[in-house]
Protein backbone atom coordinates (compact mmCIF):
# COMPACT_ATOMS: atom_id res chain seq x y z
CA UNK A 1 117.86 83.82 67.25
CA UNK A 2 121.20 85.15 68.05
CA UNK A 3 119.77 87.71 70.37
CA UNK A 4 117.87 85.65 72.84
CA UNK A 5 120.90 86.16 75.95
CA UNK A 6 120.01 89.81 75.84
CA UNK A 7 116.22 89.23 76.17
CA UNK A 8 117.16 87.02 78.83
CA UNK A 9 119.48 89.70 80.41
CA UNK A 10 116.43 92.17 80.19
CA UNK A 11 115.38 90.82 83.52
CA UNK A 12 118.68 91.45 85.35
CA UNK A 13 118.02 95.12 85.07
CA UNK A 14 114.00 95.26 87.21
CA UNK A 15 115.50 92.80 89.61
CA UNK A 16 118.54 94.68 90.56
CA UNK A 17 116.30 97.72 90.58
CA UNK A 18 114.09 95.42 93.27
CA UNK A 19 117.11 94.67 94.97
CA UNK A 20 118.37 97.95 95.87
CA UNK A 21 114.99 99.41 96.90
CA UNK A 22 113.53 96.61 98.92
CA UNK A 23 115.63 97.41 101.88
CA UNK A 24 114.37 101.00 102.30
CA UNK A 25 110.41 99.83 102.08
CA UNK A 26 108.79 99.88 105.32
CA UNK A 27 107.20 96.24 106.51
CA UNK A 28 103.38 95.73 106.78
CA UNK A 29 101.54 97.09 110.16
CA UNK A 30 99.58 94.01 110.08
CA UNK A 31 102.67 91.42 109.53
CA UNK A 32 104.48 93.66 112.17
CA UNK A 33 101.66 93.31 114.67
CA UNK A 34 100.08 89.74 114.48
CA UNK A 35 103.15 87.87 112.91
CA UNK A 36 105.96 89.74 114.99
CA UNK A 37 104.05 90.51 117.66
CA UNK A 38 105.78 93.97 117.66
CA UNK A 39 103.35 96.87 118.57
CA UNK A 40 105.75 99.58 118.46
CA UNK A 41 107.12 98.90 114.94
CA UNK A 42 103.51 98.12 113.90
CA UNK A 43 102.41 101.75 115.30
CA UNK A 44 105.55 103.58 113.42
CA UNK A 45 104.65 101.57 110.21
CA UNK A 46 101.14 102.50 110.63
CA UNK A 47 102.47 106.44 111.42
CA UNK A 48 104.47 106.42 108.25
CA UNK A 49 101.68 105.12 106.44
CA UNK A 50 98.71 107.48 107.49
CA UNK A 51 100.65 110.46 108.42
CA UNK A 52 99.17 110.70 111.73
CA UNK A 53 100.10 110.26 115.11
CA UNK A 54 97.24 108.48 117.18
CA UNK A 55 96.90 105.28 115.59
CA UNK A 56 95.58 103.46 118.12
CA UNK A 57 92.17 103.35 116.66
CA UNK A 58 93.92 101.00 113.60
CA UNK A 59 95.51 99.07 115.85
CA UNK A 60 92.88 97.52 117.95
CA UNK A 61 90.76 97.22 114.34
CA UNK A 62 93.60 95.02 113.18
CA UNK A 63 93.65 93.04 116.72
CA UNK A 64 89.51 92.86 116.40
CA UNK A 65 89.74 91.29 112.61
CA UNK A 66 92.56 89.18 113.90
CA UNK A 67 90.33 87.46 116.64
CA UNK A 68 87.41 87.76 114.46
CA UNK A 69 89.24 85.72 111.64
CA UNK A 70 90.20 83.45 114.56
CA UNK A 71 86.67 82.39 115.80
CA UNK A 72 85.77 81.52 112.07
CA UNK A 73 85.24 78.39 111.58
CA UNK A 74 86.12 76.56 108.05
CA UNK A 75 84.17 74.63 106.28
CA UNK A 76 84.88 71.93 103.16
CA UNK A 77 83.76 71.72 99.90
CA UNK A 78 81.37 68.89 100.66
CA UNK A 79 80.13 70.62 103.73
CA UNK A 80 79.43 73.69 101.97
CA UNK A 81 77.55 71.91 99.03
CA UNK A 82 75.40 69.81 101.73
CA UNK A 83 74.18 73.30 102.89
CA UNK A 84 71.04 73.96 101.10
CA UNK A 85 71.23 77.84 101.79
CA UNK A 86 74.40 78.08 99.59
CA UNK A 87 73.95 75.20 97.42
CA UNK A 88 72.61 76.73 94.63
CA UNK A 89 74.85 80.10 94.78
CA UNK A 90 77.68 77.94 94.18
CA UNK A 91 76.09 75.69 91.59
CA UNK A 92 75.56 79.17 89.82
CA UNK A 93 79.03 80.30 90.39
CA UNK A 94 80.87 77.14 89.18
CA UNK A 95 78.14 77.21 85.77
CA UNK A 96 79.12 80.67 84.88
CA UNK A 97 82.65 80.18 85.10
CA UNK A 98 82.18 76.73 82.71
CA UNK A 99 80.54 79.02 80.57
CA UNK A 100 83.46 81.38 80.51
CA UNK A 101 86.14 79.25 80.27
CA UNK A 102 84.22 77.56 76.98
CA UNK A 103 83.44 80.51 75.26
CA UNK A 104 86.88 82.23 76.07
CA UNK A 105 85.62 85.20 77.55
CA UNK A 106 88.27 85.06 80.05
CA UNK A 107 90.59 85.35 77.54
CA UNK A 108 89.21 88.87 76.20
C-alpha cells in the first residue's frame, strides 16, 4: 500500500523521454502535403524516410489518393444494410464478432 506513489511516478520516466525526443522526430510527409500544404517540407520528409532524391512519384501517389478519397461517397449504416450486395457479408461479420464476444475468444 505504501508503494503506490512509486508506481504512479514510474509513468514520468517514459513521458519525459518522449517529450525530449519528440522535437527531433520528423513530421509525416502526408500530413505536411495534405494538411499543411507545404510541398517542399513534404519532399524533404520523403527524402529522409526513403533515402532517395527523386520523390516526385511518391508525392503524386499521395495527391492521387487524396483526390480519390475526396470523390468517395460515404454511406450510412442503414443505407449499407439496405444494399443487397453487402447485407449478408455484414450479417456474417456481426454474428461472428458476437460469437467471439460470447465465447471469450477475444480475451485470449
